[in-house]
N, C-alpha and C. Protein backbone atom coordinates (compact mmCIF):
# COMPACT_ATOMS: atom_id res chain seq x y z
N VAL A 1 15.26 0.68 -31.48
CA VAL A 1 14.10 0.20 -31.30
C VAL A 1 13.20 1.43 -30.66
N GLN A 2 11.80 1.45 -31.29
CA GLN A 2 11.16 2.61 -30.76
C GLN A 2 10.23 2.03 -29.72
N LEU A 3 9.88 2.79 -28.46
CA LEU A 3 9.10 2.31 -27.31
C LEU A 3 7.75 3.11 -27.18
N GLN A 4 6.95 2.78 -26.87
CA GLN A 4 5.34 3.48 -26.75
C GLN A 4 4.61 3.01 -25.38
N ALA A 5 4.68 4.09 -24.32
CA ALA A 5 4.22 3.40 -23.10
C ALA A 5 2.64 4.07 -23.09
N SER A 6 1.98 3.28 -22.11
CA SER A 6 0.57 3.86 -21.89
C SER A 6 0.12 3.07 -20.57
N GLY A 7 -1.06 3.50 -20.11
CA GLY A 7 -1.78 2.90 -19.31
C GLY A 7 -1.79 3.89 -18.10
N GLY A 8 -1.06 4.90 -17.97
CA GLY A 8 -1.12 5.93 -16.78
C GLY A 8 -2.35 6.51 -16.44
N GLY A 9 -2.89 6.91 -15.44
CA GLY A 9 -4.15 7.62 -15.22
C GLY A 9 -4.14 8.05 -13.72
N VAL A 10 -5.26 8.35 -13.51
CA VAL A 10 -5.65 8.70 -11.67
C VAL A 10 -6.36 7.71 -11.38
N VAL A 11 -5.63 7.46 -10.04
CA VAL A 11 -6.08 6.22 -9.34
C VAL A 11 -6.23 6.54 -7.54
N GLN A 12 -7.04 6.14 -7.00
CA GLN A 12 -7.19 6.37 -5.56
C GLN A 12 -5.81 5.40 -4.81
N ALA A 13 -5.40 6.12 -3.98
CA ALA A 13 -4.73 5.10 -2.98
C ALA A 13 -4.72 3.80 -2.72
N GLY A 14 -4.16 2.83 -2.53
CA GLY A 14 -4.76 1.65 -2.49
C GLY A 14 -5.11 0.74 -3.64
N GLY A 15 -5.26 1.57 -4.88
CA GLY A 15 -5.84 1.05 -6.17
C GLY A 15 -4.53 0.53 -6.96
N SER A 16 -5.03 -0.05 -8.26
CA SER A 16 -4.18 -0.76 -9.14
C SER A 16 -4.14 -0.18 -10.53
N LEU A 17 -3.04 -0.19 -11.12
CA LEU A 17 -3.04 0.24 -12.73
C LEU A 17 -1.99 -0.64 -13.19
N ARG A 18 -2.05 -1.03 -14.63
CA ARG A 18 -0.93 -1.66 -15.21
C ARG A 18 -0.76 -1.01 -16.81
N LEU A 19 0.82 -0.68 -16.53
CA LEU A 19 1.40 0.13 -17.53
C LEU A 19 1.66 -0.85 -18.76
N SER A 20 1.86 -0.65 -19.80
CA SER A 20 2.16 -1.31 -21.07
C SER A 20 3.41 -0.45 -21.96
N CYS A 21 3.99 -1.22 -22.61
CA CYS A 21 5.23 -0.37 -23.43
C CYS A 21 5.43 -1.27 -24.55
N VAL A 22 5.29 -0.83 -25.75
CA VAL A 22 5.34 -1.41 -27.03
C VAL A 22 6.21 -1.14 -27.68
N GLY A 23 7.16 -2.46 -28.01
CA GLY A 23 8.38 -1.80 -29.12
C GLY A 23 8.23 -2.09 -30.43
N SER A 24 8.80 -1.46 -31.22
CA SER A 24 8.79 -1.70 -32.78
C SER A 24 9.76 -1.29 -33.42
N GLY A 25 10.19 -1.74 -34.49
CA GLY A 25 11.44 -1.39 -35.29
C GLY A 25 12.63 -2.40 -35.05
N ASP A 26 12.35 -2.97 -34.00
CA ASP A 26 13.55 -3.99 -34.21
C ASP A 26 13.14 -5.24 -33.46
N THR A 27 14.17 -6.49 -33.00
CA THR A 27 13.55 -7.72 -32.65
C THR A 27 13.55 -7.27 -30.97
N PHE A 28 12.31 -7.00 -30.16
CA PHE A 28 12.05 -7.16 -29.24
C PHE A 28 12.56 -7.92 -27.92
N SER A 29 12.76 -8.92 -28.16
CA SER A 29 13.51 -10.14 -27.56
C SER A 29 14.96 -10.11 -27.34
N ASP A 30 15.47 -8.98 -27.90
CA ASP A 30 16.96 -8.57 -28.00
C ASP A 30 17.29 -7.81 -27.05
N TYR A 31 16.30 -7.04 -26.35
CA TYR A 31 16.52 -6.24 -25.20
C TYR A 31 16.16 -6.47 -23.98
N VAL A 32 16.97 -6.01 -22.92
CA VAL A 32 16.52 -5.85 -21.62
C VAL A 32 15.79 -4.84 -21.47
N MET A 33 14.62 -4.83 -20.64
CA MET A 33 13.57 -3.77 -20.60
C MET A 33 13.70 -3.28 -19.13
N GLY A 34 13.32 -2.13 -18.80
CA GLY A 34 13.31 -1.56 -17.62
C GLY A 34 12.23 -0.25 -17.39
N TRP A 35 11.73 -0.23 -16.39
CA TRP A 35 10.70 1.02 -16.18
C TRP A 35 11.58 1.85 -14.84
N PHE A 36 11.22 3.03 -15.26
CA PHE A 36 11.75 4.10 -14.47
C PHE A 36 10.53 5.23 -14.38
N ARG A 37 10.75 5.82 -13.33
CA ARG A 37 9.97 7.05 -12.91
C ARG A 37 10.37 8.28 -12.34
N GLN A 38 9.84 9.21 -12.71
CA GLN A 38 10.30 10.84 -12.34
C GLN A 38 9.27 11.19 -11.74
N ALA A 39 9.38 11.84 -10.22
CA ALA A 39 8.37 12.78 -10.10
C ALA A 39 8.80 14.25 -10.02
N PRO A 40 7.74 15.07 -9.82
CA PRO A 40 8.28 16.41 -10.01
C PRO A 40 9.38 16.85 -8.99
N GLY A 41 10.15 17.41 -9.67
CA GLY A 41 11.49 18.15 -8.97
C GLY A 41 12.37 17.23 -8.44
N ARG A 42 12.14 15.92 -8.82
CA ARG A 42 13.08 14.81 -8.34
C ARG A 42 13.73 14.10 -9.52
N GLU A 43 14.86 13.44 -9.31
CA GLU A 43 15.75 12.63 -10.25
C GLU A 43 14.58 11.39 -10.89
N ARG A 44 15.20 11.03 -12.04
CA ARG A 44 14.56 9.68 -12.60
C ARG A 44 15.09 8.55 -11.68
N GLU A 45 14.07 7.74 -11.29
CA GLU A 45 14.74 6.54 -10.12
C GLU A 45 14.33 5.23 -11.17
N PHE A 46 14.96 4.42 -10.84
CA PHE A 46 14.64 2.75 -11.07
C PHE A 46 13.52 2.29 -10.48
N VAL A 47 12.79 1.72 -11.36
CA VAL A 47 11.34 0.97 -10.71
C VAL A 47 11.78 -0.63 -10.79
N SER A 48 11.85 -1.07 -11.96
CA SER A 48 12.00 -2.68 -12.41
C SER A 48 12.63 -2.72 -13.43
N THR A 49 13.47 -4.16 -13.76
CA THR A 49 13.90 -4.37 -14.85
C THR A 49 13.62 -5.93 -15.11
N ILE A 50 13.81 -6.37 -16.42
CA ILE A 50 13.47 -7.69 -16.87
C ILE A 50 14.38 -8.20 -17.99
N SER A 51 14.68 -9.45 -17.72
CA SER A 51 15.63 -9.82 -18.77
C SER A 51 14.90 -10.10 -20.33
N ARG A 52 15.91 -10.50 -21.12
CA ARG A 52 15.35 -10.50 -22.50
C ARG A 52 14.38 -11.61 -22.41
N GLY A 53 14.59 -12.95 -21.89
CA GLY A 53 13.60 -14.00 -21.93
C GLY A 53 12.57 -13.88 -20.82
N GLY A 54 12.89 -12.76 -19.87
CA GLY A 54 11.69 -12.78 -18.54
C GLY A 54 12.16 -13.42 -17.61
N MET A 55 13.19 -14.44 -17.56
CA MET A 55 13.65 -15.19 -16.41
C MET A 55 13.87 -14.38 -15.12
N ARG A 56 14.83 -13.48 -15.55
CA ARG A 56 15.42 -12.76 -14.35
C ARG A 56 14.75 -11.13 -14.28
N LYS A 57 14.60 -10.84 -13.17
CA LYS A 57 13.97 -9.69 -12.89
C LYS A 57 14.40 -9.06 -11.44
N ASP A 58 14.12 -7.70 -11.40
CA ASP A 58 15.10 -6.97 -10.30
C ASP A 58 13.86 -5.56 -9.98
N ARG A 59 13.94 -5.28 -8.82
CA ARG A 59 12.85 -4.20 -8.45
C ARG A 59 13.49 -3.33 -7.62
N ALA A 60 13.12 -2.09 -7.27
CA ALA A 60 13.62 -1.31 -6.19
C ALA A 60 12.84 -1.95 -4.94
N ASP A 61 13.54 -1.27 -3.92
CA ASP A 61 12.98 -1.72 -2.81
C ASP A 61 11.54 -1.11 -2.31
N SER A 62 11.42 0.23 -2.98
CA SER A 62 10.27 0.86 -2.42
C SER A 62 9.13 0.15 -3.30
N VAL A 63 9.26 -0.56 -4.18
CA VAL A 63 8.05 -1.20 -4.98
C VAL A 63 7.85 -2.67 -4.62
N LYS A 64 8.93 -3.38 -4.11
CA LYS A 64 8.68 -4.70 -3.78
C LYS A 64 7.55 -5.18 -3.22
N GLY A 65 6.88 -6.32 -3.39
CA GLY A 65 5.70 -6.70 -2.91
C GLY A 65 4.37 -6.14 -3.63
N ARG A 66 4.57 -5.01 -4.64
CA ARG A 66 3.47 -4.09 -5.05
C ARG A 66 3.55 -4.06 -6.31
N PHE A 67 4.51 -4.16 -7.05
CA PHE A 67 4.85 -3.87 -8.41
C PHE A 67 5.58 -5.17 -8.91
N THR A 68 4.93 -5.64 -10.18
CA THR A 68 5.51 -6.97 -10.87
C THR A 68 5.91 -6.32 -12.42
N ILE A 69 6.94 -6.79 -12.86
CA ILE A 69 7.25 -6.62 -14.31
C ILE A 69 6.98 -7.97 -14.87
N SER A 70 6.71 -7.91 -16.36
CA SER A 70 6.47 -8.76 -16.84
C SER A 70 6.54 -8.54 -18.37
N ARG A 71 6.99 -9.60 -19.22
CA ARG A 71 6.96 -9.05 -20.59
C ARG A 71 6.28 -10.39 -21.55
N ASP A 72 5.96 -10.18 -22.49
CA ASP A 72 5.29 -10.64 -23.67
C ASP A 72 5.97 -10.83 -25.10
N ASN A 73 7.11 -11.50 -25.20
CA ASN A 73 7.98 -11.12 -26.61
C ASN A 73 7.20 -11.27 -27.80
N ALA A 74 6.09 -12.35 -27.83
CA ALA A 74 5.42 -12.39 -29.23
C ALA A 74 4.34 -11.04 -29.28
N LYS A 75 4.36 -10.48 -28.36
CA LYS A 75 3.68 -9.06 -28.54
C LYS A 75 4.40 -7.88 -28.43
N ASN A 76 5.52 -8.01 -28.14
CA ASN A 76 6.37 -6.80 -28.08
C ASN A 76 6.26 -5.78 -27.23
N THR A 77 5.84 -6.37 -25.93
CA THR A 77 5.35 -5.64 -25.16
C THR A 77 6.23 -6.33 -23.40
N VAL A 78 6.08 -4.90 -22.75
CA VAL A 78 6.60 -5.23 -21.30
C VAL A 78 5.40 -4.37 -20.59
N TYR A 79 5.19 -4.88 -19.17
CA TYR A 79 4.00 -4.50 -18.63
C TYR A 79 4.65 -4.45 -17.15
N LEU A 80 3.85 -3.45 -16.41
CA LEU A 80 4.38 -3.04 -14.95
C LEU A 80 2.99 -3.10 -14.19
N GLN A 81 2.66 -3.99 -13.61
CA GLN A 81 1.36 -4.11 -12.67
C GLN A 81 1.78 -3.34 -11.28
N MET A 82 0.92 -2.52 -11.14
CA MET A 82 1.41 -1.88 -10.07
C MET A 82 -0.16 -1.77 -9.30
N ASN A 83 0.36 -2.51 -8.02
CA ASN A 83 -0.60 -2.71 -6.87
C ASN A 83 -0.67 -1.80 -5.57
N THR A 84 -1.65 -1.73 -4.93
CA THR A 84 -1.66 -1.08 -3.49
C THR A 84 -0.60 0.24 -3.82
N LEU A 85 -1.10 0.96 -4.58
CA LEU A 85 -0.50 2.35 -4.97
C LEU A 85 -0.62 3.16 -3.83
N LYS A 86 0.56 4.07 -3.60
CA LYS A 86 0.65 4.99 -2.64
C LYS A 86 0.67 6.54 -3.55
N PRO A 87 0.42 7.64 -2.57
CA PRO A 87 0.61 9.03 -3.15
C PRO A 87 1.90 9.02 -3.64
N GLU A 88 2.97 8.72 -3.00
CA GLU A 88 4.45 8.54 -3.66
C GLU A 88 5.02 7.85 -4.56
N ASP A 89 3.97 7.15 -5.10
CA ASP A 89 4.05 6.69 -6.53
C ASP A 89 3.72 7.63 -7.59
N THR A 90 3.18 8.55 -7.34
CA THR A 90 3.09 9.74 -8.27
C THR A 90 4.46 10.02 -9.10
N ALA A 91 4.22 10.06 -10.34
CA ALA A 91 5.23 10.09 -11.16
C ALA A 91 5.03 10.06 -12.84
N VAL A 92 5.88 10.36 -13.54
CA VAL A 92 5.69 10.09 -15.07
C VAL A 92 6.34 8.57 -15.25
N TYR A 93 6.03 7.63 -15.59
CA TYR A 93 6.70 6.25 -15.75
C TYR A 93 7.11 6.15 -17.40
N TYR A 94 8.74 5.86 -17.28
CA TYR A 94 9.12 5.48 -18.62
C TYR A 94 9.65 4.24 -18.81
N CYS A 95 9.55 3.52 -19.93
CA CYS A 95 10.04 2.26 -20.31
C CYS A 95 11.41 2.63 -20.84
N ALA A 96 12.11 1.68 -20.93
CA ALA A 96 13.46 1.87 -21.40
C ALA A 96 13.98 0.56 -21.96
N ALA A 97 15.03 0.48 -22.62
CA ALA A 97 15.43 -0.70 -23.38
C ALA A 97 16.99 -0.67 -23.66
N ARG A 98 17.80 -1.64 -23.36
CA ARG A 98 19.03 -1.85 -23.69
C ARG A 98 19.35 -3.44 -23.75
N ARG A 99 20.79 -3.16 -24.65
CA ARG A 99 20.88 -4.56 -25.28
C ARG A 99 21.84 -5.81 -24.20
N ASN A 100 21.99 -5.23 -23.13
CA ASN A 100 23.22 -6.10 -22.40
C ASN A 100 22.36 -6.42 -21.39
N THR A 101 23.01 -6.70 -19.99
CA THR A 101 22.73 -7.18 -18.74
C THR A 101 21.49 -6.33 -17.99
N LEU A 102 20.91 -6.82 -17.20
CA LEU A 102 19.87 -6.18 -16.21
C LEU A 102 20.66 -4.99 -15.62
N SER A 103 20.08 -3.91 -15.47
CA SER A 103 20.74 -2.83 -14.98
C SER A 103 19.39 -1.87 -14.31
N GLY A 104 19.81 -1.43 -13.18
CA GLY A 104 18.93 -0.27 -12.50
C GLY A 104 19.55 1.15 -13.02
N ASP A 105 20.76 1.47 -13.73
CA ASP A 105 21.18 2.64 -13.76
C ASP A 105 20.38 3.10 -15.05
N ASN A 106 19.97 4.25 -15.03
CA ASN A 106 19.09 4.85 -15.94
C ASN A 106 19.95 5.34 -17.08
N LEU A 107 21.53 5.50 -16.78
CA LEU A 107 22.22 6.25 -17.92
C LEU A 107 22.64 5.02 -18.71
N VAL A 108 22.64 3.63 -18.52
CA VAL A 108 23.07 2.89 -19.32
C VAL A 108 21.86 2.37 -20.30
N TYR A 109 20.65 2.76 -20.43
CA TYR A 109 19.78 2.74 -21.28
C TYR A 109 19.74 3.46 -22.49
N ASP A 110 19.61 2.89 -23.61
CA ASP A 110 19.91 3.59 -24.79
C ASP A 110 18.51 3.77 -25.28
N TYR A 111 17.37 3.54 -25.06
CA TYR A 111 16.12 3.75 -25.90
C TYR A 111 15.11 4.19 -24.83
N TRP A 112 14.24 5.27 -24.91
CA TRP A 112 13.26 5.33 -24.03
C TRP A 112 11.97 5.90 -24.82
N GLY A 113 10.71 5.26 -24.08
CA GLY A 113 9.50 5.45 -24.31
C GLY A 113 9.18 6.99 -23.91
N GLN A 114 7.91 7.56 -24.19
CA GLN A 114 7.78 9.08 -24.11
C GLN A 114 7.08 9.26 -22.68
N GLY A 115 6.98 8.53 -21.87
CA GLY A 115 6.32 8.52 -20.54
C GLY A 115 4.70 8.39 -20.49
N THR A 116 4.36 7.90 -19.22
CA THR A 116 3.02 7.82 -19.03
C THR A 116 3.01 8.32 -17.58
N LEU A 117 1.97 9.30 -17.44
CA LEU A 117 1.65 9.97 -16.15
C LEU A 117 0.81 9.22 -15.12
N VAL A 118 1.25 8.68 -13.88
CA VAL A 118 0.63 8.29 -13.04
C VAL A 118 0.24 9.00 -11.73
N THR A 119 -0.98 9.30 -11.37
CA THR A 119 -1.17 10.18 -10.28
C THR A 119 -1.99 9.23 -9.46
N VAL A 120 -1.53 9.17 -8.10
CA VAL A 120 -2.04 8.49 -7.12
C VAL A 120 -2.80 9.66 -6.00
N SER A 121 -3.98 9.76 -5.81
CA SER A 121 -4.70 10.57 -5.00
C SER A 121 -4.68 9.95 -3.54
N SER A 122 -4.68 10.65 -2.56
CA SER A 122 -4.85 10.24 -1.07
C SER A 122 -6.31 10.39 -0.54
């Protein structure tokens, strides 16, 4: 599956953004989807993941209560709604796909989008 992420930009602290990731080339609903992020000089870290049907989700503690993952399989799209953004959320955000169970381990994801930059100013 090919993944294309979009929706990044520059936002002030406390603001919101919604990221989108569109899949193509395979049956989107066959894949568990994840969002990860990588800040300059730091390792890639888990943000959130959602099951194939959208019923099960998991999030990193750092984004609980602020970020929400969702998906629309009819549109081959997974979303990340980000509210109450903080400067420490500044990073390149990547969507990723795998066929099996939910996971926060980026090493087990097989397919990756190109990333979209989110910059949160203080």
